[in-house]
Amino acid sequence: MELEIKELALPGIPKQRPLVIAGPCSAETEEQVICTATQLASKGIKIFRAGVWKPRTKPGGFEGHGEKALPWLKRVKEETGMLLCVEVATPEHAEAALKAGVDILWVGARTTANPFAVQALADFLKGTDIPVLVKNPVNPDLELWIGALMRLNGAGLKRIGAIHRGFSTIDQKLYRNMPMWHIPIELHRKFPKLPILCDPSHIGGRRDLIAPLCQQSMDMGFDGLVVESHCRPDEAWSDAKQQVLPDVLDFILDRLVIRDNVELTESLASLRNQIDNIDDDIMNLLTKRMRISGEIAMYKKEHNMAVVQTGRYSEILEKRCAHGALCGMSPEFVRRIFEAIHEESVRQQMELINR
């Protein structure tokens, strides 16, 4: 199924990269909302975001003021002319947001992971033309992300886009949520006309990571940014560590390098041709490797041996990761490659042995 996509076409918003949506994680008080919005508007930000309903991982944290905060956002629109962007998780949220004059809705990561919730939103929004941005699900599941977009599109919503906010993993390393850039890249490959924005605040989880993540997303061709900005970030009621001052956001945006999509030059075409040739060699070598793996399978069958030899597998991973490090490649990258090769090798050996 294809997505029928129209331009977001937001009034008063120039068609240029990056499209920037900024504002606090949560609408905490009327004063905080107006203060932040006024500062952002003075820096040229034209779309204001704020969490009104805040689904938290655990109960007990600040979960937003709900409809009480919507008049504060209406005041932002009236006094600054900014468009409003709000997260909704239920039809009731969407109804209240539309009545308050919210211009853009976004579907959060937890909601995207629930097809029932997304379908309920899609059914309610049927017949409207409001732009809806869909964050990736919490876990790295591209099909679930696409499914949410398709449900909304199937309800007649054509001004849709995606927000990449990273993925939760057991390994907590540098980032709050691992970027796993290959997933949004694959989404773009499948749907080239779909606008994709990056949420560096949730990927990084720290202020010092916002700037490099903004630049990296622009280098990778993303259409825009969703950044959390607060007039007093250290006092924020939620996600304080990942919010930046409007002045800091302006500094970050002012120094972004936006690279153009230029026509293919002869030198680049030549380099890509070399890559194609190397990829052909890799496929030929993998074919040869699988053929030998098949011979090993027959040996194991004749000698009544188990298909998976964990000692041998550990030896391969250890050697190749060390070799990769010497060649300037991260051990994690090499590990993923050889885990995939081993998985396919085991699959083919199982087929041969059980034939």
Protein backbone atom coordinates (compact mmCIF):
# COMPACT_ATOMS: atom_id res chain seq x y z
CA MET A 1 0.00 0.00 0.00
CA GLU A 2 1.25 3.46 -0.93
CA LEU A 3 0.77 6.64 1.04
CA GLU A 4 -1.12 9.47 -0.64
CA ILE A 5 0.78 12.48 0.66
CA LYS A 6 0.19 16.20 0.19
CA GLU A 7 2.52 18.99 1.24
CA LEU A 8 2.06 20.09 4.84
CA ALA A 9 1.44 23.59 3.42
CA LEU A 10 1.37 25.45 6.73
CA PRO A 11 0.17 29.07 6.51
CA GLY A 12 2.95 31.59 7.03
CA ILE A 13 5.65 28.90 7.09
CA PRO A 14 8.24 29.17 4.29
CA LYS A 15 8.96 26.04 2.26
CA GLN A 16 12.56 25.60 3.30
CA ARG A 17 14.67 23.26 5.37
CA PRO A 18 14.57 22.93 8.24
CA LEU A 19 10.97 23.24 9.34
CA VAL A 20 11.37 24.00 13.07
CA ILE A 21 8.85 23.19 15.79
CA ALA A 22 9.93 24.26 19.27
CA GLY A 23 8.60 24.72 22.76
CA PRO A 24 8.66 23.19 26.24
CA CYS A 25 8.21 19.52 26.98
CA SER A 26 5.18 20.41 29.12
CA ALA A 27 2.83 23.36 29.40
CA GLU A 28 3.42 23.96 33.11
CA THR A 29 1.97 27.40 33.84
CA GLU A 30 0.46 30.15 31.74
CA GLU A 31 3.42 32.40 32.53
CA GLN A 32 5.95 29.73 31.49
CA VAL A 33 4.09 29.06 28.22
CA ILE A 34 3.82 32.74 27.25
CA CYS A 35 7.39 33.52 28.33
CA THR A 36 8.85 30.66 26.28
CA ALA A 37 6.65 31.34 23.25
CA THR A 38 7.47 35.05 23.23
CA GLN A 39 11.20 34.36 23.32
CA LEU A 40 10.95 31.73 20.57
CA ALA A 41 8.82 34.00 18.38
CA SER A 42 11.43 36.76 18.74
CA LYS A 43 13.99 34.30 17.32
CA GLY A 44 11.85 33.59 14.26
CA ILE A 45 10.32 30.29 15.39
CA LYS A 46 6.85 30.05 13.88
CA ILE A 47 5.48 26.79 15.31
CA PHE A 48 5.06 26.33 19.07
CA ARG A 49 4.84 22.91 20.68
CA ALA A 50 3.94 22.04 24.25
CA GLY A 51 2.83 18.88 26.01
CA VAL A 52 -0.71 19.21 27.33
CA TRP A 53 -1.37 15.51 27.96
CA LYS A 54 1.85 13.84 29.11
CA PRO A 55 1.92 10.04 29.15
CA ARG A 56 4.69 9.14 31.59
CA THR A 57 6.43 5.80 31.92
CA LYS A 58 5.56 5.57 35.62
CA PRO A 59 2.68 7.15 37.57
CA GLY A 60 3.44 9.94 39.99
CA GLY A 61 5.21 12.30 37.59
CA PHE A 62 3.72 15.43 36.06
CA GLU A 63 1.26 14.25 33.42
CA GLY A 64 0.14 17.62 32.10
CA HIS A 65 -2.77 19.91 32.86
CA GLY A 66 -4.92 18.62 30.01
CA GLU A 67 -7.60 20.93 28.65
CA LYS A 68 -6.79 23.53 31.30
CA ALA A 69 -3.61 24.38 29.35
CA LEU A 70 -5.27 24.83 25.95
CA PRO A 71 -6.37 28.47 26.62
CA TRP A 72 -2.72 29.26 27.34
CA LEU A 73 -1.81 27.98 23.89
CA LYS A 74 -4.65 29.96 22.31
CA ARG A 75 -3.14 33.05 23.91
CA VAL A 76 0.22 32.18 22.34
CA LYS A 77 -1.42 32.07 18.93
CA GLU A 78 -3.25 35.35 19.49
CA GLU A 79 -0.25 37.26 20.83
CA THR A 80 2.58 35.88 18.67
CA GLY A 81 0.88 34.53 15.55
CA MET A 82 2.66 31.20 16.01
CA LEU A 83 1.02 27.98 14.88
CA LEU A 84 0.29 25.43 17.60
CA CYS A 85 1.41 21.79 17.72
CA VAL A 86 0.11 19.40 20.40
CA GLU A 87 0.40 15.67 21.11
CA VAL A 88 -2.87 13.73 21.19
CA ALA A 89 -3.39 10.13 22.25
CA THR A 90 -7.18 9.73 22.22
CA PRO A 91 -10.14 11.03 20.22
CA GLU A 92 -11.06 13.14 23.26
CA HIS A 93 -7.64 14.81 23.16
CA ALA A 94 -8.00 15.46 19.44
CA GLU A 95 -11.48 16.93 19.84
CA ALA A 96 -10.33 19.35 22.54
CA ALA A 97 -7.26 20.34 20.52
CA LEU A 98 -9.28 21.05 17.38
CA LYS A 99 -11.79 23.15 19.35
CA ALA A 100 -8.89 25.17 20.78
CA GLY A 101 -7.58 25.95 17.29
CA VAL A 102 -4.49 23.75 17.38
CA ASP A 103 -2.93 23.71 13.89
CA ILE A 104 -0.85 20.50 13.95
CA LEU A 105 -1.29 17.27 15.90
CA TRP A 106 1.38 14.75 16.70
CA VAL A 107 1.02 11.13 17.73
CA GLY A 108 3.48 10.10 20.44
CA ALA A 109 5.74 7.05 20.45
CA ARG A 110 3.65 5.11 22.97
CA THR A 111 0.46 5.74 20.97
CA THR A 112 2.10 4.78 17.67
CA ALA A 113 2.93 1.40 19.22
CA ASN A 114 -0.80 0.74 19.78
CA PRO A 115 -2.74 0.11 16.52
CA PHE A 116 -6.06 0.28 18.39
CA ALA A 117 -5.26 3.80 19.66
CA VAL A 118 -4.04 4.98 16.26
CA GLN A 119 -7.14 3.62 14.53
CA ALA A 120 -9.39 5.37 17.07
CA LEU A 121 -7.61 8.65 16.30
CA ALA A 122 -7.83 8.03 12.56
CA ASP A 123 -11.57 7.32 12.79
CA PHE A 124 -12.17 10.52 14.74
CA LEU A 125 -10.06 12.71 12.43
CA LYS A 126 -11.68 11.37 9.27
CA GLY A 127 -13.02 14.27 7.23
CA THR A 128 -10.52 16.81 8.62
CA ASP A 129 -7.48 18.13 6.80
CA ILE A 130 -5.31 18.84 9.83
CA PRO A 131 -1.60 17.95 9.53
CA VAL A 132 -0.62 14.98 11.69
CA LEU A 133 2.95 14.02 12.55
CA VAL A 134 3.64 10.47 13.74
CA LYS A 135 6.55 9.67 16.03
CA ASN A 136 8.26 6.33 15.64
CA PRO A 137 7.11 3.62 18.07
CA VAL A 138 9.13 3.12 21.24
CA ASN A 139 10.72 -0.06 19.90
CA PRO A 140 12.56 -0.29 16.56
CA ASP A 141 9.66 -1.56 14.45
CA LEU A 142 9.50 0.10 11.03
CA GLU A 143 6.33 -1.76 9.98
CA LEU A 144 4.48 -0.54 13.08
CA TRP A 145 5.53 3.03 12.24
CA ILE A 146 4.36 2.62 8.64
CA GLY A 147 1.14 1.01 9.85
CA ALA A 148 0.27 4.06 11.95
CA LEU A 149 0.88 6.36 8.98
CA MET A 150 -1.26 4.13 6.78
CA ARG A 151 -4.15 4.11 9.25
CA LEU A 152 -4.24 7.90 9.27
CA ASN A 153 -3.79 8.09 5.51
CA GLY A 154 -6.58 5.54 5.04
CA ALA A 155 -8.89 7.89 6.97
CA GLY A 156 -8.27 10.56 4.35
CA LEU A 157 -5.50 12.47 6.15
CA LYS A 158 -2.97 13.38 3.47
CA ARG A 159 -0.96 16.11 5.21
CA ILE A 160 1.03 13.65 7.28
CA GLY A 161 4.65 13.41 8.32
CA ALA A 162 6.96 11.39 10.56
CA ILE A 163 9.06 12.35 13.57
CA HIS A 164 12.18 10.33 14.37
CA ARG A 165 12.76 10.38 18.15
CA GLY A 166 14.98 7.33 18.51
CA PHE A 167 14.28 3.90 19.98
CA SER A 168 14.38 2.47 23.48
CA THR A 169 16.95 -0.27 24.03
CA ILE A 170 18.30 -2.21 27.00
CA ASP A 171 21.75 -0.75 26.39
CA GLN A 172 21.79 2.81 27.74
CA LYS A 173 24.93 4.35 26.29
CA LEU A 174 25.46 7.84 24.92
CA TYR A 175 21.88 8.52 23.89
CA ARG A 176 18.61 8.43 25.78
CA ASN A 177 17.07 6.71 22.74
CA MET A 178 19.29 5.09 20.15
CA PRO A 179 19.04 6.89 16.77
CA MET A 180 19.20 3.76 14.60
CA TRP A 181 19.34 6.07 11.58
CA HIS A 182 18.88 3.19 9.16
CA ILE A 183 15.20 2.91 10.17
CA PRO A 184 14.10 6.46 9.20
CA ILE A 185 16.34 6.18 6.13
CA GLU A 186 14.44 3.06 5.09
CA LEU A 187 11.15 4.88 5.77
CA HIS A 188 12.30 7.65 3.43
CA ARG A 189 13.34 5.11 0.81
CA LYS A 190 9.89 3.55 0.86
CA PHE A 191 8.04 6.89 0.90
CA PRO A 192 10.26 9.60 -0.64
CA LYS A 193 7.52 12.26 -0.46
CA LEU A 194 6.88 11.75 3.27
CA PRO A 195 8.26 14.66 5.36
CA ILE A 196 10.50 13.36 8.15
CA LEU A 197 11.49 15.52 11.11
CA CYS A 198 14.07 14.73 13.77
CA ASP A 199 13.50 15.09 17.52
CA PRO A 200 17.05 15.53 18.87
CA SER A 201 15.77 16.23 22.38
CA HIS A 202 14.39 12.72 22.89
CA ILE A 203 17.22 11.02 21.01
CA GLY A 204 19.94 12.76 22.99
CA GLY A 205 18.29 13.29 26.36
CA ARG A 206 21.00 15.89 27.09
CA ARG A 207 21.41 19.51 26.05
CA ASP A 208 24.97 19.07 24.83
CA LEU A 209 23.81 16.51 22.24
CA ILE A 210 21.11 18.70 20.66
CA ALA A 211 23.41 20.64 18.32
CA PRO A 212 25.30 17.65 16.83
CA LEU A 213 22.09 15.68 16.41
CA CYS A 214 20.44 18.62 14.63
CA GLN A 215 23.36 18.84 12.23
CA GLN A 216 23.49 15.10 11.69
CA SER A 217 19.79 14.98 10.81
CA MET A 218 20.24 17.80 8.31
CA ASP A 219 23.24 16.04 6.77
CA MET A 220 21.02 13.00 6.31
CA GLY A 221 18.35 14.98 4.48
CA PHE A 222 15.68 15.32 7.17
CA ASP A 223 13.03 17.95 6.50
CA GLY A 224 12.86 19.55 9.91
CA LEU A 225 13.42 19.54 13.65
CA VAL A 226 11.26 19.24 16.76
CA VAL A 227 13.25 20.68 19.66
CA GLU A 228 12.27 21.12 23.29
CA SER A 229 12.95 24.68 24.49
CA HIS A 230 12.05 26.21 27.85
CA CYS A 231 12.48 29.71 29.26
CA ARG A 232 13.92 28.17 32.47
CA PRO A 233 15.00 24.64 31.52
CA ASP A 234 16.64 23.80 34.85
CA GLU A 235 13.26 24.32 36.54
CA ALA A 236 11.26 22.27 34.03
CA TRP A 237 8.67 19.90 35.49
CA SER A 238 9.55 17.16 33.00
CA ASP A 239 12.65 16.22 30.98
CA ALA A 240 14.67 19.17 32.27
CA LYS A 241 18.03 17.82 31.07
CA GLN A 242 17.07 17.80 27.40
CA GLN A 243 15.52 21.27 27.09
CA VAL A 244 17.44 24.33 25.92
CA LEU A 245 16.93 28.06 26.28
CA PRO A 246 15.41 29.84 23.26
CA ASP A 247 18.69 31.77 22.91
CA VAL A 248 20.62 28.49 22.77
CA LEU A 249 18.24 27.06 20.19
CA ASP A 250 18.71 30.17 18.07
CA PHE A 251 22.50 29.73 18.34
CA ILE A 252 22.21 26.08 17.25
CA LEU A 253 19.93 26.84 14.29
CA ASP A 254 22.05 29.78 13.16
CA ARG A 255 25.07 27.51 12.80
CA LEU A 256 23.38 24.65 11.01
CA VAL A 257 24.84 23.79 7.63
CA ILE A 258 22.04 22.92 5.22
CA ARG A 259 23.38 20.89 2.33
CA ASP A 260 21.60 21.09 -1.00
CA ASN A 261 20.45 18.09 -3.01
CA VAL A 262 22.55 18.75 -6.12
CA GLU A 263 22.55 16.83 -9.37
CA LEU A 264 24.81 13.82 -9.63
CA THR A 265 28.27 14.88 -10.78
CA GLU A 266 30.56 12.75 -12.89
CA SER A 267 33.04 12.25 -10.03
CA LEU A 268 30.28 11.18 -7.61
CA ALA A 269 28.83 8.85 -10.24
CA SER A 270 32.27 7.26 -10.64
CA LEU A 271 32.62 6.72 -6.90
CA ARG A 272 29.15 5.20 -6.69
CA ASN A 273 30.03 2.90 -9.54
CA GLN A 274 33.03 1.70 -7.53
CA ILE A 275 30.72 1.06 -4.57
CA ASP A 276 28.39 -0.97 -6.83
CA ASN A 277 31.29 -3.10 -8.02
CA ILE A 278 32.46 -3.74 -4.44
CA ASP A 279 28.90 -4.64 -3.43
CA ASP A 280 28.80 -7.17 -6.28
CA ASP A 281 32.04 -8.68 -4.95
CA ILE A 282 30.57 -8.86 -1.44
CA MET A 283 27.48 -10.70 -2.73
CA ASN A 284 29.65 -13.16 -4.67
CA LEU A 285 31.78 -13.83 -1.59
CA LEU A 286 28.69 -14.31 0.58
CA THR A 287 27.32 -16.78 -1.97
CA LYS A 288 30.60 -18.70 -1.83
CA ARG A 289 30.53 -18.62 1.98
CA MET A 290 26.98 -20.01 2.09
CA ARG A 291 27.95 -22.77 -0.34
CA ILE A 292 30.76 -23.86 1.98
CA SER A 293 28.37 -23.55 4.93
CA GLY A 294 26.12 -26.00 3.09
CA GLU A 295 28.98 -28.49 2.80
CA ILE A 296 29.55 -28.10 6.55
CA ALA A 297 25.85 -28.84 7.11
CA MET A 298 26.13 -32.15 5.25
CA TYR A 299 29.20 -33.06 7.31
CA LYS A 300 27.27 -32.29 10.53
CA LYS A 301 24.36 -34.42 9.31
CA GLU A 302 26.60 -37.38 8.52
CA HIS A 303 28.29 -37.16 11.93
CA ASN A 304 25.07 -36.40 13.88
CA MET A 305 26.35 -33.00 15.04
CA ALA A 306 24.26 -30.05 16.26
CA VAL A 307 23.87 -27.27 13.74
CA VAL A 308 24.90 -24.45 16.11
CA GLN A 309 28.38 -24.77 17.54
CA THR A 310 28.49 -21.95 20.11
CA GLY A 311 32.23 -22.17 20.66
CA ARG A 312 32.94 -21.71 16.96
CA TYR A 313 30.41 -18.86 16.73
CA SER A 314 32.02 -17.02 19.67
CA GLU A 315 35.42 -17.47 18.05
CA ILE A 316 34.20 -15.91 14.78
CA LEU A 317 32.67 -12.91 16.53
CA GLU A 318 35.75 -12.30 18.66
CA LYS A 319 38.16 -12.50 15.73
CA ARG A 320 36.09 -10.41 13.33
CA CYS A 321 35.31 -7.68 15.87
CA ALA A 322 39.00 -7.36 16.68
CA HIS A 323 39.85 -7.30 12.97
CA GLY A 324 37.17 -4.67 12.35
CA ALA A 325 38.60 -2.44 15.08
CA LEU A 326 42.03 -2.60 13.43
CA CYS A 327 40.39 -1.54 10.16
CA GLY A 328 38.68 1.47 11.74
CA MET A 329 35.23 -0.08 12.07
CA SER A 330 33.26 -0.21 15.31
CA PRO A 331 33.06 -3.67 16.90
CA GLU A 332 29.30 -3.23 17.23
CA PHE A 333 28.97 -2.73 13.46
CA VAL A 334 31.07 -5.81 12.70
CA ARG A 335 29.15 -7.85 15.26
CA ARG A 336 25.83 -6.98 13.61
CA ILE A 337 27.15 -8.04 10.21
CA PHE A 338 28.42 -11.41 11.38
CA GLU A 339 25.37 -12.07 13.53
CA ALA A 340 23.24 -11.63 10.40
CA ILE A 341 25.56 -13.86 8.36
CA HIS A 342 25.50 -16.53 11.06
CA GLU A 343 21.69 -16.38 11.29
CA GLU A 344 21.33 -16.93 7.55
CA SER A 345 23.97 -19.67 7.62
CA VAL A 346 22.10 -21.51 10.38
CA ARG A 347 18.81 -21.15 8.48
CA GLN A 348 20.28 -22.67 5.33
CA GLN A 349 22.01 -25.47 7.27
CA MET A 350 18.73 -26.35 9.01
CA GLU A 351 17.00 -26.59 5.64
CA LEU A 352 19.69 -28.88 4.26
CA ILE A 353 19.85 -31.13 7.33
CA ASN A 354 16.06 -31.55 7.54
CA ARG A 355 15.50 -32.02 3.83
